[in-house]
Amino acid sequence: MCLIDSVELELLFAFIIIFLQRLLFLQLRKNPEEEKQKKKISGGTQEALQNKGKEIALTVKEVPTKSTFVKDGKITPDEFIAAGDRLVMKNPVWTWQGGDADKKMWYLPDNKQFLQVKSIPCRVRASALAAEAKEEMIGGDNDDDWVAPETTNLSAEPTKEAPKASGDEDDEDDGIFDFPDDDDSAVPTTNLYRRYDATICFDLYYLSPKLFLYGYDEDGTTPLTIEQILEDLSEEHAAKTATTLPHPHLGIPWTGIHPCKHSITMKSMIDREAEAGRTLKVEQYMFFFLKFVQTICPTLEIEKTIMSE
């Protein structure tokens, strides 16, 4: 197998996308309602083309083993496992999953293909918090930049244990998030109450984690539509970074948060910690990752599934 560097891979990926798009439009020209068909090409179609291009490009991409985390915020599969192990150890509501046997990534252990937590509460819509949001833009004036929270000292040791799933000890690692018994807010009071399952997968193309969400209505069984899920994402990200596509390890449609800016945001966090005289270790990655994911899903109580590292 021929291996290529990252610059060549980017060029190959761009060529593949152009080629696939050209094939698509050539097919449309055979249709007498060409103009009407062109208008129907949605972001989902473009996403499908990009995913196919990535799939082809990844067949010639070398799986990295050398760490560049401090340099560019990217991680290797081994570092993804190390960061996931620490998240699971500190926060048992998160668990490793193997997924479908025929969808396993060969460069990850069979029983550690992705991370999962179930039933995260979401009590109000993100639009209700728009006026209260306090966010700091990273990267200047680029509209595609991600938003990161104002972090505190996450490098300090935790002062208390993370919340665990309710029930007996045999249920501790079932990945279902629950509040402590003394949290009165755990009882939903309106029909706005929703719950989400979340998974963190490894994206080999971007060398970053990728978050996937699957939401349920207040009855706990009816899946949310993509339109409903977008209501729970911040306005600046809902139309740019969220796409419904088949889960890489489960096959069924989930809403994924595009990871193209993850490493840039993580690099900014690494630099911030360094300026404050602290070191962000790669094993702490998931804690910081979930901190800035919280700004994308401001009313999804992701931060309550973890304790500060």
Protein backbone atom coordinates (compact mmCIF):
# COMPACT_ATOMS: atom_id res chain seq x y z
CA MET A 1 0.00 0.00 0.00
CA CYS A 2 1.31 3.45 -0.91
CA LEU A 3 1.43 5.88 1.98
CA ILE A 4 1.18 9.65 1.50
CA ASP A 5 1.71 12.66 3.74
CA SER A 6 -1.05 14.96 5.03
CA VAL A 7 -0.63 17.63 2.33
CA GLU A 8 -0.89 15.09 -0.46
CA LEU A 9 -3.89 13.55 1.28
CA GLU A 10 -5.69 16.91 1.38
CA LEU A 11 -5.07 17.37 -2.36
CA LEU A 12 -6.26 13.85 -3.09
CA PHE A 13 -9.38 14.39 -1.01
CA ALA A 14 -10.19 17.65 -2.85
CA PHE A 15 -9.72 15.93 -6.22
CA ILE A 16 -12.01 13.07 -5.22
CA ILE A 17 -14.76 15.46 -4.12
CA ILE A 18 -14.56 17.41 -7.40
CA PHE A 19 -14.64 14.15 -9.34
CA LEU A 20 -17.67 12.81 -7.47
CA GLN A 21 -19.53 16.10 -7.82
CA ARG A 22 -18.82 16.11 -11.55
CA LEU A 23 -20.23 12.60 -11.87
CA LEU A 24 -23.34 13.67 -10.00
CA PHE A 25 -24.03 16.61 -12.28
CA LEU A 26 -23.36 14.55 -15.39
CA GLN A 27 -26.10 12.22 -14.22
CA LEU A 28 -28.45 15.15 -13.67
CA ARG A 29 -27.92 16.34 -17.24
CA LYS A 30 -29.59 13.19 -18.44
CA ASN A 31 -32.71 14.28 -16.61
CA PRO A 32 -35.07 16.69 -18.48
CA GLU A 33 -35.81 18.39 -15.18
CA GLU A 34 -32.16 19.16 -14.61
CA GLU A 35 -32.59 22.58 -13.04
CA LYS A 36 -35.22 21.30 -10.66
CA GLN A 37 -33.00 18.39 -9.67
CA LYS A 38 -30.02 20.64 -9.06
CA LYS A 39 -32.02 22.64 -6.56
CA LYS A 40 -32.72 19.47 -4.65
CA ILE A 41 -29.04 18.79 -3.99
CA SER A 42 -28.91 19.47 -0.27
CA GLY A 43 -26.21 19.73 2.32
CA GLY A 44 -26.87 16.09 3.07
CA THR A 45 -25.87 15.16 -0.49
CA GLN A 46 -22.71 17.21 -0.20
CA GLU A 47 -21.97 15.53 3.12
CA ALA A 48 -22.43 12.12 1.51
CA LEU A 49 -19.96 13.08 -1.23
CA GLN A 50 -17.45 14.28 1.34
CA ASN A 51 -17.80 11.09 3.36
CA LYS A 52 -17.24 8.99 0.24
CA GLY A 53 -14.19 11.08 -0.61
CA LYS A 54 -12.83 10.63 2.90
CA GLU A 55 -13.46 6.91 2.72
CA ILE A 56 -11.41 6.64 -0.48
CA ALA A 57 -8.65 8.94 0.79
CA LEU A 58 -8.31 7.00 4.04
CA THR A 59 -7.43 3.84 2.14
CA VAL A 60 -4.02 5.40 1.48
CA LYS A 61 -3.60 7.28 4.77
CA GLU A 62 -1.02 6.04 7.23
CA VAL A 63 -2.30 5.48 10.76
CA PRO A 64 -0.12 7.79 12.88
CA THR A 65 1.78 6.57 15.90
CA LYS A 66 3.91 9.64 16.70
CA SER A 67 2.27 12.23 18.94
CA THR A 68 1.76 15.78 17.64
CA PHE A 69 -0.74 16.73 20.35
CA VAL A 70 1.20 19.66 21.81
CA LYS A 71 2.15 20.92 18.35
CA ASP A 72 -1.25 20.89 16.60
CA GLY A 73 -3.90 19.47 18.96
CA LYS A 74 -4.31 16.26 16.95
CA ILE A 75 -4.18 12.80 18.52
CA THR A 76 -3.30 9.28 17.43
CA PRO A 77 -5.58 6.25 17.92
CA ASP A 78 -3.44 5.19 20.90
CA GLU A 79 -3.88 8.63 22.46
CA PHE A 80 -7.63 8.43 21.84
CA ILE A 81 -7.67 5.18 23.82
CA ALA A 82 -5.55 6.65 26.64
CA ALA A 83 -7.83 9.70 26.91
CA GLY A 84 -10.93 7.52 26.80
CA ASP A 85 -9.58 5.20 29.49
CA ARG A 86 -9.07 8.15 31.83
CA LEU A 87 -12.57 9.49 31.11
CA VAL A 88 -14.12 6.10 31.90
CA MET A 89 -11.98 5.62 35.02
CA LYS A 90 -12.93 9.02 36.45
CA ASN A 91 -16.54 9.02 35.24
CA PRO A 92 -18.16 5.54 35.14
CA VAL A 93 -21.27 6.88 33.39
CA TRP A 94 -19.09 6.86 30.27
CA THR A 95 -18.33 3.38 28.93
CA TRP A 96 -16.35 1.82 26.10
CA GLN A 97 -18.39 0.08 23.40
CA GLY A 98 -17.49 -2.33 20.61
CA GLY A 99 -20.31 -1.58 18.17
CA ASP A 100 -21.21 -3.76 15.21
CA ALA A 101 -18.62 -6.40 14.44
CA ASP A 102 -18.59 -5.61 10.73
CA LYS A 103 -17.95 -1.89 11.38
CA LYS A 104 -14.89 -2.19 13.60
CA MET A 105 -11.88 0.03 12.92
CA TRP A 106 -8.83 -2.23 12.79
CA TYR A 107 -6.57 0.35 14.45
CA LEU A 108 -8.73 0.41 17.63
CA PRO A 109 -9.24 -2.46 20.15
CA ASP A 110 -12.37 -4.52 19.48
CA ASN A 111 -13.91 -3.55 22.83
CA LYS A 112 -12.86 0.11 22.67
CA GLN A 113 -14.22 1.37 19.38
CA PHE A 114 -16.11 4.34 20.83
CA LEU A 115 -17.25 5.94 24.10
CA GLN A 116 -20.89 6.21 25.13
CA VAL A 117 -23.11 7.79 27.74
CA LYS A 118 -26.89 7.39 27.84
CA SER A 119 -29.83 9.57 28.81
CA ILE A 120 -28.25 13.01 29.27
CA PRO A 121 -30.96 15.51 30.32
CA CYS A 122 -31.85 18.49 28.15
CA ARG A 123 -34.51 20.61 29.85
CA VAL A 124 -34.79 23.72 27.64
CA ARG A 125 -34.00 24.70 24.07
CA ALA A 126 -30.72 26.39 23.23
CA SER A 127 -32.48 29.44 21.82
CA ALA A 128 -33.74 30.23 25.32
CA LEU A 129 -30.15 30.73 26.47
CA ALA A 130 -28.92 32.73 23.47
CA ALA A 131 -29.09 36.06 25.31
CA GLU A 132 -27.21 34.66 28.31
CA ALA A 133 -24.43 32.89 26.44
CA LYS A 134 -20.92 34.13 27.27
CA GLU A 135 -18.56 32.77 24.67
CA GLU A 136 -15.17 33.75 23.37
CA MET A 137 -14.43 33.26 19.68
CA ILE A 138 -11.20 31.47 18.87
CA GLY A 139 -9.32 32.20 15.69
CA GLY A 140 -10.31 35.74 14.73
CA ASP A 141 -12.98 36.68 12.21
CA ASN A 142 -13.38 33.32 10.46
CA ASP A 143 -17.08 32.45 10.49
CA ASP A 144 -16.20 28.77 10.53
CA ASP A 145 -14.27 29.03 13.80
CA TRP A 146 -15.42 27.10 16.80
CA VAL A 147 -16.41 28.60 20.12
CA ALA A 148 -14.62 27.64 23.30
CA PRO A 149 -15.68 28.22 26.89
CA GLU A 150 -13.83 30.22 29.47
CA THR A 151 -12.03 27.34 31.15
CA THR A 152 -10.93 27.23 34.74
CA ASN A 153 -8.03 25.19 36.12
CA LEU A 154 -8.96 21.80 34.75
CA SER A 155 -5.51 20.43 35.46
CA ALA A 156 -6.18 20.27 39.18
CA GLU A 157 -7.14 16.99 40.80
CA PRO A 158 -10.89 16.47 41.27
CA THR A 159 -12.22 17.19 44.74
CA LYS A 160 -15.11 14.72 44.56
CA GLU A 161 -16.12 11.68 42.61
CA ALA A 162 -18.06 11.87 39.38
CA PRO A 163 -21.80 11.09 39.47
CA LYS A 164 -22.57 7.41 38.94
CA ALA A 165 -25.53 5.66 37.44
CA SER A 166 -28.31 4.85 39.88
CA GLY A 167 -29.10 1.34 41.06
CA ASP A 168 -26.97 -1.45 42.49
CA GLU A 169 -23.28 -1.98 41.78
CA ASP A 170 -23.96 -4.18 38.78
CA ASP A 171 -25.54 -1.20 37.05
CA GLU A 172 -22.65 1.23 37.62
CA ASP A 173 -21.12 0.76 34.19
CA ASP A 174 -24.29 0.69 32.08
CA GLY A 175 -23.52 4.17 30.77
CA ILE A 176 -26.88 5.66 31.79
CA PHE A 177 -26.46 9.10 33.29
CA ASP A 178 -28.49 10.03 36.35
CA PHE A 179 -28.48 12.83 38.90
CA PRO A 180 -27.75 12.39 42.59
CA ASP A 181 -30.88 11.61 44.60
CA ASP A 182 -30.88 15.02 46.25
CA ASP A 183 -31.09 16.91 42.95
CA ASP A 184 -34.71 18.10 42.78
CA SER A 185 -34.15 19.43 39.28
CA ALA A 186 -33.93 15.86 38.01
CA VAL A 187 -37.71 15.72 37.79
CA PRO A 188 -38.95 17.21 34.49
CA THR A 189 -41.63 19.86 34.91
CA THR A 190 -42.50 20.68 31.28
CA ASN A 191 -42.92 18.91 27.99
CA LEU A 192 -39.68 20.54 26.85
CA TYR A 193 -37.75 17.84 28.68
CA ARG A 194 -35.62 15.65 26.43
CA ARG A 195 -32.84 13.10 26.84
CA TYR A 196 -29.85 12.34 24.64
CA ASP A 197 -27.49 9.43 24.15
CA ALA A 198 -24.00 10.58 23.16
CA THR A 199 -21.02 8.77 21.68
CA ILE A 200 -17.44 9.86 21.01
CA CYS A 201 -15.78 8.22 18.01
CA PHE A 202 -12.28 8.61 16.58
CA ASP A 203 -12.04 10.38 13.22
CA LEU A 204 -8.92 9.12 11.45
CA TYR A 205 -9.08 11.81 8.76
CA TYR A 206 -9.07 14.75 11.21
CA LEU A 207 -7.21 12.87 13.98
CA SER A 208 -9.79 14.10 16.48
CA PRO A 209 -12.76 12.78 18.45
CA LYS A 210 -16.18 13.21 16.87
CA LEU A 211 -19.37 13.58 18.91
CA PHE A 212 -22.62 11.91 17.84
CA LEU A 213 -26.04 12.58 19.42
CA TYR A 214 -29.29 10.63 19.45
CA GLY A 215 -32.22 12.37 21.13
CA TYR A 216 -35.56 11.28 22.58
CA ASP A 217 -38.72 13.25 23.24
CA GLU A 218 -40.21 13.67 26.72
CA ASP A 219 -41.80 10.20 26.54
CA GLY A 220 -38.30 8.68 26.50
CA THR A 221 -38.95 6.49 23.46
CA THR A 222 -39.80 8.73 20.48
CA PRO A 223 -36.62 9.70 18.58
CA LEU A 224 -36.16 13.41 17.87
CA THR A 225 -36.12 14.66 14.30
CA ILE A 226 -33.08 16.50 12.96
CA GLU A 227 -35.09 19.73 13.19
CA GLN A 228 -35.74 19.10 16.88
CA ILE A 229 -32.09 18.25 17.56
CA LEU A 230 -30.97 21.48 15.90
CA GLU A 231 -33.15 23.35 18.42
CA ASP A 232 -30.77 22.11 21.12
CA LEU A 233 -27.61 23.32 19.37
CA SER A 234 -26.27 26.86 19.43
CA GLU A 235 -27.42 28.92 16.48
CA GLU A 236 -23.92 29.53 15.16
CA HIS A 237 -23.20 25.81 14.96
CA ALA A 238 -26.57 24.25 14.13
CA ALA A 239 -26.38 25.11 10.42
CA LYS A 240 -22.63 24.61 10.05
CA THR A 241 -21.34 21.64 12.00
CA ALA A 242 -24.30 19.30 12.64
CA THR A 243 -25.24 16.64 10.11
CA THR A 244 -27.37 13.51 10.34
CA LEU A 245 -25.53 10.50 8.94
CA PRO A 246 -25.07 6.79 9.70
CA HIS A 247 -23.16 6.20 12.92
CA PRO A 248 -19.75 4.74 11.99
CA HIS A 249 -20.07 1.87 14.47
CA LEU A 250 -23.83 1.37 14.74
CA GLY A 251 -25.09 2.05 11.22
CA ILE A 252 -28.29 3.88 12.18
CA PRO A 253 -28.64 7.67 11.66
CA TRP A 254 -27.19 9.87 14.42
CA THR A 255 -26.45 13.58 14.42
CA GLY A 256 -22.71 14.16 14.20
CA ILE A 257 -20.79 17.32 15.12
CA HIS A 258 -18.21 17.89 12.40
CA PRO A 259 -14.66 17.63 13.80
CA CYS A 260 -12.84 19.87 11.31
CA LYS A 261 -12.06 22.55 13.93
CA HIS A 262 -11.53 20.29 16.94
CA SER A 263 -7.73 20.22 16.76
CA ILE A 264 -7.55 24.01 16.28
CA THR A 265 -9.69 24.57 19.38
CA MET A 266 -7.71 22.01 21.37
CA LYS A 267 -4.44 23.66 20.37
CA SER A 268 -5.81 26.99 21.67
CA MET A 269 -6.66 25.32 24.98
CA ILE A 270 -3.18 23.78 25.19
CA ASP A 271 -1.63 27.23 24.69
CA ARG A 272 -3.95 28.82 27.28
CA GLU A 273 -3.00 26.25 29.88
CA ALA A 274 0.70 26.77 29.09
CA GLU A 275 0.35 30.54 29.49
CA ALA A 276 -1.16 29.91 32.93
CA GLY A 277 1.78 27.69 33.88
CA ARG A 278 -0.13 24.42 33.50
CA THR A 279 0.32 21.44 31.20
CA LEU A 280 -2.61 19.91 29.37
CA LYS A 281 -1.82 16.21 29.09
CA VAL A 282 -3.20 14.14 26.27
CA GLU A 283 -4.89 11.85 28.82
CA GLN A 284 -7.02 14.86 29.81
CA TYR A 285 -8.22 15.39 26.24
CA MET A 286 -11.81 14.15 26.72
CA PHE A 287 -12.42 16.44 29.69
CA PHE A 288 -11.44 19.51 27.69
CA PHE A 289 -13.20 18.18 24.60
CA LEU A 290 -16.50 17.86 26.46
CA LYS A 291 -16.01 21.34 27.94
CA PHE A 292 -16.01 23.00 24.54
CA VAL A 293 -18.64 20.62 23.14
CA GLN A 294 -20.88 22.04 25.87
CA THR A 295 -20.80 25.41 24.09
CA ILE A 296 -22.20 23.75 20.96
CA CYS A 297 -25.01 22.06 22.91
CA PRO A 298 -25.50 24.63 25.71
CA THR A 299 -28.65 23.10 27.24
CA LEU A 300 -27.52 19.48 26.97
CA GLU A 301 -26.09 18.70 30.41
CA ILE A 302 -22.89 17.10 29.16
CA GLU A 303 -20.66 18.74 31.75
CA LYS A 304 -22.59 17.03 34.53
CA THR A 305 -21.37 13.66 33.21
CA ILE A 306 -17.77 14.59 34.09
CA MET A 307 -15.78 16.11 36.88
CA SER A 308 -12.92 18.56 36.23
CA GLU A 309 -9.58 16.88 35.64
